[in-house]
C-alpha atoms as a PDB file:
ATOM      1  CA  UNK A   1      90.276 192.788 181.629  1.00  0.00           C
ATOM      2  CA  UNK A   2      87.326 190.432 181.489  1.00  0.00           C
ATOM      3  CA  UNK A   3      85.444 192.763 179.151  1.00  0.00           C
ATOM      4  CA  UNK A   4      88.396 192.785 176.730  1.00  0.00           C
ATOM      5  CA  UNK A   5      88.559 188.991 176.874  1.00  0.00           C
ATOM      6  CA  UNK A   6      84.803 188.739 176.387  1.00  0.00           C
ATOM      7  CA  UNK A   7      84.991 191.069 173.372  1.00  0.00           C
ATOM      8  CA  UNK A   8      87.855 189.028 171.925  1.00  0.00           C
ATOM      9  CA  UNK A   9      85.856 185.802 172.480  1.00  0.00           C
ATOM     10  CA  UNK A  10      82.804 187.321 170.686  1.00  0.00           C
ATOM     11  CA  UNK A  11      85.051 188.370 167.812  1.00  0.00           C
ATOM     12  CA  UNK A  12      86.393 184.819 167.555  1.00  0.00           C
ATOM     13  CA  UNK A  13      82.856 183.365 167.578  1.00  0.00           C
ATOM     14  CA  UNK A  14      81.817 185.846 164.883  1.00  0.00           C
ATOM     15  CA  UNK A  15      84.830 184.895 162.819  1.00  0.00           C
ATOM     16  CA  UNK A  16      84.078 181.191 163.150  1.00  0.00           C
ATOM     17  CA  UNK A  17      80.403 181.773 162.386  1.00  0.00           C
ATOM     18  CA  UNK A  18      81.394 183.620 159.185  1.00  0.00           C
ATOM     19  CA  UNK A  19      83.708 180.812 157.959  1.00  0.00           C
ATOM     20  CA  UNK A  20      80.843 178.794 156.405  1.00  0.00           C
ATOM     21  CA  UNK A  21      79.703 181.993 154.724  1.00  0.00           C
ATOM     22  CA  UNK A  22      83.208 182.638 153.421  1.00  0.00           C
ATOM     23  CA  UNK A  23      83.476 179.061 152.140  1.00  0.00           C
ATOM     24  CA  UNK A  24      80.086 179.321 150.462  1.00  0.00           C
ATOM     25  CA  UNK A  25      80.960 182.597 148.731  1.00  0.00           C
ATOM     26  CA  UNK A  26      84.421 181.338 147.760  1.00  0.00           C
ATOM     27  CA  UNK A  27      82.830 178.223 146.166  1.00  0.00           C
ATOM     28  CA  UNK A  28      80.403 180.490 144.354  1.00  0.00           C
ATOM     29  CA  UNK A  29      83.330 182.609 143.126  1.00  0.00           C
ATOM     30  CA  UNK A  30      85.086 179.482 141.783  1.00  0.00           C
ATOM     31  CA  UNK A  31      81.990 178.479 139.867  1.00  0.00           C
ATOM     32  CA  UNK A  32      81.520 181.993 138.473  1.00  0.00           C
ATOM     33  CA  UNK A  33      85.189 182.104 137.476  1.00  0.00           C
ATOM     34  CA  UNK A  34      84.836 178.836 135.598  1.00  0.00           C
ATOM     35  CA  UNK A  35      81.724 180.169 133.795  1.00  0.00           C
ATOM     36  CA  UNK A  36      83.620 183.389 133.057  1.00  0.00           C
ATOM     37  CA  UNK A  37      86.514 181.491 131.524  1.00  0.00           C
ATOM     38  CA  UNK A  38      84.145 179.540 129.242  1.00  0.00           C
ATOM     39  CA  UNK A  39      82.196 182.612 128.191  1.00  0.00           C
ATOM     40  CA  UNK A  40      85.384 184.621 127.556  1.00  0.00           C
ATOM     41  CA  UNK A  41      86.884 181.870 125.382  1.00  0.00           C
ATOM     42  CA  UNK A  42      83.638 181.479 123.436  1.00  0.00           C
ATOM     43  CA  UNK A  43      83.495 185.268 122.996  1.00  0.00           C
ATOM     44  CA  UNK A  44      87.013 185.327 121.628  1.00  0.00           C
ATOM     45  CA  UNK A  45      86.282 182.456 119.259  1.00  0.00           C
ATOM     46  CA  UNK A  46      83.194 184.198 117.884  1.00  0.00           C
ATOM     47  CA  UNK A  47      85.099 187.408 117.445  1.00  0.00           C
ATOM     48  CA  UNK A  48      87.748 185.500 115.501  1.00  0.00           C
ATOM     49  CA  UNK A  49      85.048 183.787 113.434  1.00  0.00           C
ATOM     50  CA  UNK A  50      83.466 187.151 112.670  1.00  0.00           C
ATOM     51  CA  UNK A  51      86.746 188.622 111.450  1.00  0.00           C
ATOM     52  CA  UNK A  52      87.602 185.527 109.405  1.00  0.00           C
ATOM     53  CA  UNK A  53      84.240 185.527 107.707  1.00  0.00           C
ATOM     54  CA  UNK A  54      84.539 189.228 107.004  1.00  0.00           C
ATOM     55  CA  UNK A  55      87.947 188.615 105.411  1.00  0.00           C
ATOM     56  CA  UNK A  56      86.530 185.754 103.307  1.00  0.00           C
ATOM     57  CA  UNK A  57      83.675 188.045 102.211  1.00  0.00           C
ATOM     58  CA  UNK A  58      86.199 190.766 101.256  1.00  0.00           C
ATOM     59  CA  UNK A  59      88.214 188.216  99.225  1.00  0.00           C
ATOM     60  CA  UNK A  60      85.063 187.125  97.423  1.00  0.00           C
ATOM     61  CA  UNK A  61      84.187 190.757  96.588  1.00  0.00           C
ATOM     62  CA  UNK A  62      87.665 191.270  95.171  1.00  0.00           C
ATOM     63  CA  UNK A  63      87.278 188.054  93.115  1.00  0.00           C
ATOM     64  CA  UNK A  64      83.875 189.305  91.943  1.00  0.00           C
ATOM     65  CA  UNK A  65      85.406 192.597  90.883  1.00  0.00           C
ATOM     66  CA  UNK A  66      88.111 190.814  88.937  1.00  0.00           C
ATOM     67  CA  UNK A  67      85.559 188.637  87.162  1.00  0.00           C
ATOM     68  CA  UNK A  68      83.415 191.670  86.354  1.00  0.00           C
ATOM     69  CA  UNK A  69      86.436 193.380  84.794  1.00  0.00           C
ATOM     70  CA  UNK A  70      87.183 190.292  82.733  1.00  0.00           C
ATOM     71  CA  UNK A  71      83.565 190.115  81.586  1.00  0.00           C
ATOM     72  CA  UNK A  72      83.601 193.758  80.650  1.00  0.00           C
ATOM     73  CA  UNK A  73      86.841 193.303  78.701  1.00  0.00           C
ATOM     74  CA  UNK A  74      85.312 190.343  76.863  1.00  0.00           C
ATOM     75  CA  UNK A  75      82.217 192.345  75.998  1.00  0.00           C
ATOM     76  CA  UNK A  76      84.410 195.157  74.659  1.00  0.00           C
ATOM     77  CA  UNK A  77      86.415 192.680  72.579  1.00  0.00           C
ATOM     78  CA  UNK A  78      83.182 191.105  71.273  1.00  0.00           C
ATOM     79  CA  UNK A  79      81.794 194.500  70.310  1.00  0.00           C
ATOM     80  CA  UNK A  80      85.011 195.561  68.622  1.00  0.00           C
ATOM     81  CA  UNK A  81      85.226 192.275  66.707  1.00  0.00           C
ATOM     82  CA  UNK A  82      81.567 192.553  65.743  1.00  0.00           C
ATOM     83  CA  UNK A  83      82.249 195.984  64.332  1.00  0.00           C
ATOM     84  CA  UNK A  84      85.127 194.612  62.329  1.00  0.00           C
ATOM     85  CA  UNK A  85      83.455 191.319  61.435  1.00  0.00           C
ATOM     86  CA  UNK A  86      85.919 189.359  63.516  1.00  0.00           C
ATOM     87  CA  UNK A  87      85.938 185.588  63.745  1.00  0.00           C
ATOM     88  CA  UNK A  88      86.305 185.381  67.534  1.00  0.00           C
ATOM     89  CA  UNK A  89      82.963 186.929  68.400  1.00  0.00           C
ATOM     90  CA  UNK A  90      81.510 183.684  69.645  1.00  0.00           C
ATOM     91  CA  UNK A  91      84.553 183.055  71.901  1.00  0.00           C
ATOM     92  CA  UNK A  92      84.352 186.436  73.531  1.00  0.00           C
ATOM     93  CA  UNK A  93      80.596 186.219  73.880  1.00  0.00           C
ATOM     94  CA  UNK A  94      80.996 182.827  75.615  1.00  0.00           C
ATOM     95  CA  UNK A  95      83.663 184.342  77.923  1.00  0.00           C
ATOM     96  CA  UNK A  96      81.423 187.239  78.802  1.00  0.00           C
ATOM     97  CA  UNK A  97      78.547 184.903  79.739  1.00  0.00           C
ATOM     98  CA  UNK A  98      80.873 182.595  81.692  1.00  0.00           C
ATOM     99  CA  UNK A  99      82.265 185.569  83.647  1.00  0.00           C
ATOM    100  CA  UNK A 100      78.750 186.824  84.297  1.00  0.00           C
ATOM    101  CA  UNK A 101      77.694 183.424  85.706  1.00  0.00           C
ATOM    102  CA  UNK A 102      80.915 183.084  87.747  1.00  0.00           C
ATOM    103  CA  UNK A 103      80.417 186.643  89.099  1.00  0.00           C
ATOM    104  CA  UNK A 104      76.892 185.794  90.281  1.00  0.00           C
ATOM    105  CA  UNK A 105      78.211 182.699  92.123  1.00  0.00           C
ATOM    106  CA  UNK A 106      81.036 184.690  93.678  1.00  0.00           C
ATOM    107  CA  UNK A 107      78.594 187.424  94.731  1.00  0.00           C
ATOM    108  CA  UNK A 108      76.407 184.835  96.518  1.00  0.00           C
ATOM    109  CA  UNK A 109      79.425 183.398  98.349  1.00  0.00           C
ATOM    110  CA  UNK A 110      80.468 186.915  99.444  1.00  0.00           C
ATOM    111  CA  UNK A 111      76.936 187.599 100.767  1.00  0.00           C
ATOM    112  CA  UNK A 112      76.972 184.257 102.621  1.00  0.00           C
ATOM    113  CA  UNK A 113      80.263 185.113 104.299  1.00  0.00           C
ATOM    114  CA  UNK A 114      78.996 188.549 105.252  1.00  0.00           C
ATOM    115  CA  UNK A 115      75.846 186.986 106.803  1.00  0.00           C
ATOM    116  CA  UNK A 116      78.030 184.506 108.780  1.00  0.00           C
ATOM    117  CA  UNK A 117      80.250 187.328 109.930  1.00  0.00           C
ATOM    118  CA  UNK A 118      77.224 189.309 111.038  1.00  0.00           C
ATOM    119  CA  UNK A 119      75.875 186.343 112.998  1.00  0.00           C
ATOM    120  CA  UNK A 120      79.236 185.613 114.657  1.00  0.00           C
ATOM    121  CA  UNK A 121      79.556 189.329 115.526  1.00  0.00           C
ATOM    122  CA  UNK A 122      76.192 189.408 117.214  1.00  0.00           C
ATOM    123  CA  UNK A 123      76.983 186.193 119.081  1.00  0.00           C
ATOM    124  CA  UNK A 124      80.371 187.591 120.204  1.00  0.00           C
ATOM    125  CA  UNK A 125      78.724 190.708 121.493  1.00  0.00           C
ATOM    126  CA  UNK A 126      76.274 188.740 123.599  1.00  0.00           C
ATOM    127  CA  UNK A 127      79.121 186.667 124.988  1.00  0.00           C
ATOM    128  CA  UNK A 128      81.110 189.786 125.844  1.00  0.00           C
ATOM    129  CA  UNK A 129      78.123 191.258 127.666  1.00  0.00           C
ATOM    130  CA  UNK A 130      77.724 188.025 129.569  1.00  0.00           C
ATOM    131  CA  UNK A 131      81.432 188.174 130.420  1.00  0.00           C
ATOM    132  CA  UNK A 132      80.956 191.671 131.881  1.00  0.00           C
ATOM    133  CA  UNK A 133      78.218 190.468 134.228  1.00  0.00           C
ATOM    134  CA  UNK A 134      80.257 187.446 135.305  1.00  0.00           C
ATOM    135  CA  UNK A 135      83.292 189.653 136.045  1.00  0.00           C
ATOM    136  CA  UNK A 136      81.045 191.993 138.102  1.00  0.00           C
ATOM    137  CA  UNK A 137      79.695 188.960 139.971  1.00  0.00           C
ATOM    138  CA  UNK A 138      83.209 188.004 140.995  1.00  0.00           C
ATOM    139  CA  UNK A 139      83.826 191.507 142.253  1.00  0.00           C
ATOM    140  CA  UNK A 140      80.606 191.486 144.295  1.00  0.00           C
ATOM    141  CA  UNK A 141      81.510 188.021 145.702  1.00  0.00           C
ATOM    142  CA  UNK A 142      84.890 189.359 146.762  1.00  0.00           C
ATOM    143  CA  UNK A 143      83.170 192.300 148.398  1.00  0.00           C
ATOM    144  CA  UNK A 144      80.754 189.888 150.151  1.00  0.00           C
ATOM    145  CA  UNK A 145      83.727 188.062 151.723  1.00  0.00           C
ATOM    146  CA  UNK A 146      85.451 191.235 152.791  1.00  0.00           C
ATOM    147  CA  UNK A 147      82.310 192.894 154.189  1.00  0.00           C
ATOM    148  CA  UNK A 148      80.744 189.628 155.399  1.00  0.00           C
ATOM    149  CA  UNK A 149      77.416 190.713 153.794  1.00  0.00           C
ATOM    150  CA  UNK A 150      75.004 188.162 152.428  1.00  0.00           C
ATOM    151  CA  UNK A 151      73.284 190.845 150.360  1.00  0.00           C
ATOM    152  CA  UNK A 152      76.465 191.365 148.358  1.00  0.00           C
ATOM    153  CA  UNK A 153      76.698 187.644 147.818  1.00  0.00           C
ATOM    154  CA  UNK A 154      73.068 187.711 146.558  1.00  0.00           C
ATOM    155  CA  UNK A 155      73.976 190.496 144.124  1.00  0.00           C
ATOM    156  CA  UNK A 156      76.948 188.386 143.019  1.00  0.00           C
ATOM    157  CA  UNK A 157      74.780 185.342 142.362  1.00  0.00           C
ATOM    158  CA  UNK A 158      72.172 187.489 140.542  1.00  0.00           C
ATOM    159  CA  UNK A 159      74.894 189.022 138.369  1.00  0.00           C
ATOM    160  CA  UNK A 160      76.282 185.583 137.517  1.00  0.00           C
ATOM    161  CA  UNK A 161      72.823 184.307 136.583  1.00  0.00           C
ATOM    162  CA  UNK A 162      72.230 187.372 134.412  1.00  0.00           C
ATOM    163  CA  UNK A 163      75.682 186.947 132.752  1.00  0.00           C
ATOM    164  CA  UNK A 164      75.089 183.258 132.051  1.00  0.00           C
ATOM    165  CA  UNK A 165      71.570 184.020 130.692  1.00  0.00           C
ATOM    166  CA  UNK A 166      72.914 186.693 128.380  1.00  0.00           C
ATOM    167  CA  UNK A 167      75.697 184.355 127.181  1.00  0.00           C
ATOM    168  CA  UNK A 168      73.175 181.611 126.506  1.00  0.00           C
ATOM    169  CA  UNK A 169      71.185 183.874 124.186  1.00  0.00           C
ATOM    170  CA  UNK A 170      73.833 183.144 121.547  1.00  0.00           C
ATOM    171  CA  UNK A 171      71.888 179.916 120.988  1.00  0.00           C
ATOM    172  CA  UNK A 172      68.967 182.012 119.649  1.00  0.00           C
ATOM    173  CA  UNK A 173      71.051 183.886 117.060  1.00  0.00           C
ATOM    174  CA  UNK A 174      71.109 182.135 113.700  1.00  0.00           C
END
């Protein structure tokens, strides 16, 4: 009976000895979870920004196409009137030039929106990869608590550092 009591006492000591470890890992998990929440929200915002800019670019390209059609129609009218010695040649020529200038401005806006969309997309991708590493870090921290293994906790911390580092690379994308 004394061996059983001694084994039970050793188990209790081991459990109490592991409590500081469990608290340390749990605190780490809370910090990682907070970082994960921030990175996930930023990733979603960048994805939304990417889609919004892509839509704006698409709208600008549609506007560009409409202006190009109007310019072409004005050029046709000018040419027809020139062939018939029409009086409105100057008006249609001016319209064609105006549409050409407006089309160039619209095209530039569309290209700017596409560039902004591309940047936001690359930033979102980095944030999503950072999110993956942070999620894996939480899993390894959970395993560290269950298995009472410091090595798993180390892997968790390393994963979190990698995830945060990847997420911070969005600051380098312009």
